[in-house]
Structures are given as structure tokens and as C-alpha cells.
């Protein structure tokens, strides 16, 4: 189970290879810390669900930039501050 996972492109090995780190104490899988100096953008979809995307890549269909850019960690920290209700917009009633 991943906690508040934000999708991002991981180098050619793919996301599956990056997810082999496991914190036995908490029972939570975590992405290993990667040295990454690339620029990311925070994106959101029509359900107000957040993710990060590499700034130099074409935007995936259905996602829009929110205006926040930074390092991977800065973007994830920003999402942690603004994404306070994890339910999709359509289920918030």
C-alpha cells in the first residue's frame, strides 16, 4: 500500500523497479530517495486529485498544471499541504 503516492515518470527502469523499498516497521512501501535535479510541476485532474509531472514532458491527457513548480520533494510537500481531502471531487457531494 502506498501512502499519498504521486505519479511521476521514473527513469527507464519504470515505477515498478523503484518501488522495491519497504519499511518493515510501518508496513508501508516507499520510493527510495533518488538523486534527482529535474524540474517537476504539480498537476491536478477534474476530480481535484493531485500528482507530479516532469516539467519538460508533454502533459498527460486529463491533467492540468496548477502553477507550482519545483524539485520532486518540493512538489510532493506542496501537494501534502493543499490536498487535504483525498476523496474525488464528485464524491464530496
N, C-alpha and C. Protein backbone atom coordinates (compact mmCIF):
# COMPACT_ATOMS: atom_id res chain seq x y z
N UNK A 1 0.84 -1.17 0.00
CA UNK A 1 0.00 0.00 0.00
C UNK A 1 0.89 1.23 0.00
N UNK A 2 0.63 2.15 -0.86
CA UNK A 2 1.42 3.37 -0.94
C UNK A 2 0.66 4.50 -0.27
N UNK A 3 1.36 5.29 0.55
CA UNK A 3 0.73 6.43 1.16
C UNK A 3 0.85 7.63 0.26
N UNK A 4 -0.27 8.27 -0.03
CA UNK A 4 -0.32 9.52 -0.78
C UNK A 4 0.69 9.52 -1.92
N UNK A 5 0.57 8.56 -2.79
CA UNK A 5 1.52 8.37 -3.88
C UNK A 5 1.20 9.33 -5.01
N UNK A 6 2.17 10.03 -5.45
CA UNK A 6 2.02 10.91 -6.60
C UNK A 6 2.72 10.27 -7.77
N UNK A 7 2.02 10.17 -8.85
CA UNK A 7 2.60 9.51 -10.03
C UNK A 7 3.67 10.40 -10.63
N UNK A 8 4.74 9.81 -11.01
CA UNK A 8 5.79 10.53 -11.71
C UNK A 8 6.51 9.54 -12.59
N UNK A 9 7.10 10.06 -13.64
CA UNK A 9 7.88 9.19 -14.51
C UNK A 9 9.19 8.88 -13.83
N UNK A 10 9.51 7.64 -13.71
CA UNK A 10 10.78 7.22 -13.15
C UNK A 10 11.64 6.80 -14.32
N UNK A 11 12.94 6.98 -14.20
CA UNK A 11 13.85 6.68 -15.30
C UNK A 11 13.49 5.37 -15.99
N UNK A 12 14.16 5.05 -17.04
CA UNK A 12 13.79 3.97 -17.95
C UNK A 12 13.42 2.66 -17.28
N UNK A 13 13.85 2.43 -16.03
CA UNK A 13 13.52 1.20 -15.33
C UNK A 13 12.05 1.11 -14.98
N UNK A 14 11.37 2.24 -14.89
CA UNK A 14 9.95 2.25 -14.61
C UNK A 14 9.64 2.31 -13.13
N UNK A 15 8.40 2.61 -12.84
CA UNK A 15 7.94 2.77 -11.48
C UNK A 15 8.04 1.48 -10.69
N UNK A 16 7.76 0.35 -11.30
CA UNK A 16 7.78 -0.92 -10.58
C UNK A 16 9.14 -1.19 -9.95
N UNK A 17 10.21 -0.90 -10.68
CA UNK A 17 11.54 -1.14 -10.14
C UNK A 17 11.86 -0.20 -8.99
N UNK A 18 11.29 1.00 -9.01
CA UNK A 18 11.58 1.98 -7.97
C UNK A 18 10.84 1.67 -6.68
N UNK A 19 9.83 0.82 -6.73
CA UNK A 19 9.00 0.55 -5.57
C UNK A 19 9.41 -0.69 -4.78
N UNK A 20 10.66 -1.07 -4.82
CA UNK A 20 11.04 -2.27 -4.10
C UNK A 20 11.52 -1.99 -2.69
N UNK A 21 11.54 -0.74 -2.29
CA UNK A 21 11.91 -0.38 -0.93
C UNK A 21 10.70 -0.62 -0.03
N UNK A 22 10.95 -1.17 1.16
CA UNK A 22 9.85 -1.49 2.06
C UNK A 22 10.23 -1.15 3.48
N UNK A 23 9.42 -0.37 4.16
CA UNK A 23 9.65 0.00 5.55
C UNK A 23 8.95 -1.02 6.42
N UNK A 24 9.69 -1.99 6.93
CA UNK A 24 9.10 -3.08 7.71
C UNK A 24 8.44 -2.58 8.99
N UNK A 25 8.96 -1.53 9.57
CA UNK A 25 8.40 -1.02 10.82
C UNK A 25 6.97 -0.54 10.67
N UNK A 26 6.69 0.14 9.56
CA UNK A 26 5.35 0.69 9.39
C UNK A 26 4.51 -0.15 8.43
N UNK A 27 5.15 -1.08 7.72
CA UNK A 27 4.40 -1.87 6.75
C UNK A 27 4.03 -1.09 5.50
N UNK A 28 4.75 0.00 5.22
CA UNK A 28 4.43 0.87 4.09
C UNK A 28 5.55 0.78 3.06
N UNK A 29 5.20 0.58 1.81
CA UNK A 29 6.19 0.63 0.74
C UNK A 29 6.50 2.09 0.45
N UNK A 30 7.75 2.37 0.17
CA UNK A 30 8.16 3.74 -0.13
C UNK A 30 9.10 3.75 -1.32
N UNK A 31 9.07 4.84 -2.06
CA UNK A 31 10.02 5.01 -3.15
C UNK A 31 11.36 5.39 -2.54
N UNK A 32 12.43 4.78 -2.98
CA UNK A 32 13.74 5.14 -2.43
C UNK A 32 14.11 6.57 -2.82
N UNK A 33 14.90 7.19 -1.99
CA UNK A 33 15.37 8.54 -2.30
C UNK A 33 16.28 8.46 -3.52
N UNK A 34 15.96 9.21 -4.52
CA UNK A 34 16.75 9.23 -5.74
C UNK A 34 17.36 10.61 -5.89
N UNK A 35 18.61 10.67 -6.31
CA UNK A 35 19.18 11.97 -6.63
C UNK A 35 18.51 12.44 -7.90
N UNK A 36 17.83 13.54 -7.80
CA UNK A 36 17.00 14.00 -8.91
C UNK A 36 17.02 15.52 -8.93
N UNK A 37 17.66 16.10 -9.91
CA UNK A 37 17.71 17.55 -10.01
C UNK A 37 16.79 18.08 -11.11
N UNK A 38 15.87 17.23 -11.54
CA UNK A 38 14.93 17.65 -12.59
C UNK A 38 13.84 18.54 -12.02
N UNK A 39 13.22 19.33 -12.88
CA UNK A 39 12.14 20.22 -12.50
C UNK A 39 10.81 19.51 -12.72
N UNK A 40 9.94 19.60 -11.72
CA UNK A 40 8.62 18.98 -11.78
C UNK A 40 7.54 20.05 -11.68
N UNK A 41 6.34 19.71 -12.11
CA UNK A 41 5.17 20.56 -11.94
C UNK A 41 4.11 19.77 -11.18
N UNK A 42 3.32 20.48 -10.40
CA UNK A 42 2.17 19.86 -9.74
C UNK A 42 1.00 19.96 -10.70
N UNK A 43 0.31 18.85 -10.88
CA UNK A 43 -0.83 18.80 -11.79
C UNK A 43 -2.05 18.28 -11.03
N UNK A 44 -3.22 18.57 -11.57
CA UNK A 44 -4.47 18.10 -10.98
C UNK A 44 -5.42 17.71 -12.10
N UNK A 45 -6.31 16.78 -11.79
CA UNK A 45 -7.31 16.38 -12.79
C UNK A 45 -8.67 16.97 -12.43
N UNK A 46 -9.69 16.65 -13.20
CA UNK A 46 -11.02 17.23 -13.00
C UNK A 46 -11.65 16.79 -11.68
N UNK A 47 -11.13 15.77 -11.04
CA UNK A 47 -11.62 15.32 -9.74
C UNK A 47 -10.82 15.92 -8.59
N UNK A 48 -9.94 16.89 -8.92
CA UNK A 48 -9.09 17.57 -7.96
C UNK A 48 -8.17 16.60 -7.22
N UNK A 49 -7.66 15.63 -7.97
CA UNK A 49 -6.65 14.71 -7.48
C UNK A 49 -5.31 15.21 -8.01
N UNK A 50 -4.30 15.18 -7.17
CA UNK A 50 -3.01 15.78 -7.49
C UNK A 50 -1.96 14.74 -7.83
N UNK A 51 -0.97 15.19 -8.61
CA UNK A 51 0.17 14.36 -8.96
C UNK A 51 1.31 15.30 -9.34
N UNK A 52 2.46 14.70 -9.67
CA UNK A 52 3.56 15.50 -10.19
C UNK A 52 3.93 14.96 -11.56
N UNK A 53 4.51 15.84 -12.36
CA UNK A 53 4.87 15.50 -13.73
C UNK A 53 6.18 16.21 -14.04
N UNK A 54 7.03 15.57 -14.79
CA UNK A 54 8.26 16.24 -15.21
C UNK A 54 7.92 17.45 -16.08
N UNK A 55 8.54 18.57 -15.76
CA UNK A 55 8.20 19.83 -16.43
C UNK A 55 8.52 19.83 -17.92
N UNK A 56 9.48 19.03 -18.33
CA UNK A 56 9.87 19.05 -19.75
C UNK A 56 9.11 18.03 -20.60
N UNK A 57 8.13 17.39 -20.03
CA UNK A 57 7.34 16.40 -20.78
C UNK A 57 5.99 16.97 -21.17
N UNK A 58 5.42 16.45 -22.26
CA UNK A 58 4.07 16.84 -22.64
C UNK A 58 3.11 16.38 -21.56
N UNK A 59 2.12 17.23 -21.28
CA UNK A 59 1.16 16.92 -20.23
C UNK A 59 0.28 15.74 -20.65
N UNK A 60 0.02 14.87 -19.71
CA UNK A 60 -0.86 13.72 -19.95
C UNK A 60 -2.29 14.20 -20.11
N UNK A 61 -3.06 13.57 -20.98
CA UNK A 61 -4.46 13.97 -21.15
C UNK A 61 -5.22 13.90 -19.83
N UNK A 62 -6.04 14.91 -19.58
CA UNK A 62 -6.87 14.94 -18.38
C UNK A 62 -6.22 15.61 -17.18
N UNK A 63 -4.98 16.06 -17.32
CA UNK A 63 -4.27 16.71 -16.23
C UNK A 63 -3.92 18.14 -16.62
N UNK A 64 -3.99 19.06 -15.66
CA UNK A 64 -3.66 20.47 -15.89
C UNK A 64 -2.65 20.92 -14.85
N UNK A 65 -1.73 21.79 -15.26
CA UNK A 65 -0.76 22.35 -14.33
C UNK A 65 -1.48 23.25 -13.33
N UNK A 66 -1.06 23.20 -12.07
CA UNK A 66 -1.64 24.04 -11.03
C UNK A 66 -0.89 25.35 -10.85
N UNK A 67 0.31 25.45 -11.44
CA UNK A 67 1.12 26.65 -11.29
C UNK A 67 2.29 26.49 -10.35
N UNK A 68 2.38 25.36 -9.66
CA UNK A 68 3.50 25.13 -8.74
C UNK A 68 4.56 24.30 -9.44
N UNK A 69 5.82 24.77 -9.37
CA UNK A 69 6.97 24.06 -9.95
C UNK A 69 8.06 23.97 -8.91
N UNK A 70 8.86 22.92 -9.00
CA UNK A 70 9.98 22.79 -8.08
C UNK A 70 10.62 21.43 -8.20
N UNK A 71 11.42 21.11 -7.20
CA UNK A 71 12.03 19.78 -7.15
C UNK A 71 10.94 18.76 -6.88
N UNK A 72 11.28 17.51 -7.01
CA UNK A 72 10.30 16.44 -6.74
C UNK A 72 9.77 16.58 -5.33
N UNK A 73 10.68 16.74 -4.37
CA UNK A 73 10.26 16.83 -2.97
C UNK A 73 9.45 18.09 -2.69
N UNK A 74 9.85 19.22 -3.28
CA UNK A 74 9.07 20.46 -3.10
C UNK A 74 7.65 20.29 -3.61
N UNK A 75 7.51 19.63 -4.75
CA UNK A 75 6.17 19.41 -5.31
C UNK A 75 5.35 18.47 -4.42
N UNK A 76 5.97 17.40 -3.93
CA UNK A 76 5.25 16.49 -3.04
C UNK A 76 4.87 17.18 -1.73
N UNK A 77 5.74 18.03 -1.21
CA UNK A 77 5.42 18.78 0.00
C UNK A 77 4.25 19.73 -0.24
N UNK A 78 4.24 20.37 -1.41
CA UNK A 78 3.13 21.27 -1.76
C UNK A 78 1.82 20.50 -1.83
N UNK A 79 1.84 19.34 -2.46
CA UNK A 79 0.63 18.51 -2.55
C UNK A 79 0.14 18.14 -1.15
N UNK A 80 1.05 17.79 -0.26
CA UNK A 80 0.67 17.42 1.10
C UNK A 80 -0.05 18.56 1.81
N UNK A 81 0.30 19.81 1.48
CA UNK A 81 -0.34 20.97 2.09
C UNK A 81 -1.72 21.26 1.49
N UNK A 82 -1.84 21.11 0.16
CA UNK A 82 -3.09 21.54 -0.49
C UNK A 82 -4.11 20.43 -0.69
N UNK A 83 -3.68 19.18 -0.71
CA UNK A 83 -4.61 18.08 -0.96
C UNK A 83 -5.06 17.51 0.38
N UNK A 84 -5.99 18.21 1.00
CA UNK A 84 -6.42 17.84 2.34
C UNK A 84 -7.61 16.88 2.34
N UNK A 85 -8.34 16.81 1.27
CA UNK A 85 -9.47 15.88 1.16
C UNK A 85 -9.19 14.95 -0.01
N UNK A 86 -8.84 13.71 0.30
CA UNK A 86 -8.40 12.76 -0.73
C UNK A 86 -9.55 12.22 -1.58
N UNK A 87 -10.78 12.47 -1.16
CA UNK A 87 -11.92 11.96 -1.96
C UNK A 87 -11.99 12.70 -3.29
N UNK A 88 -12.36 11.97 -4.36
CA UNK A 88 -12.58 12.65 -5.64
C UNK A 88 -13.67 13.72 -5.49
N UNK A 89 -13.54 14.80 -6.22
CA UNK A 89 -14.50 15.91 -6.15
C UNK A 89 -15.94 15.44 -6.28
N UNK A 90 -16.18 14.49 -7.20
CA UNK A 90 -17.55 14.04 -7.45
C UNK A 90 -18.16 13.28 -6.26
N UNK A 91 -17.34 12.79 -5.35
CA UNK A 91 -17.90 12.06 -4.21
C UNK A 91 -17.99 12.90 -2.94
N UNK A 92 -17.62 14.18 -3.03
CA UNK A 92 -17.70 15.05 -1.86
C UNK A 92 -19.09 15.61 -1.63
N UNK A 93 -19.93 15.44 -2.62
CA UNK A 93 -21.33 15.78 -2.51
C UNK A 93 -21.65 17.18 -2.39
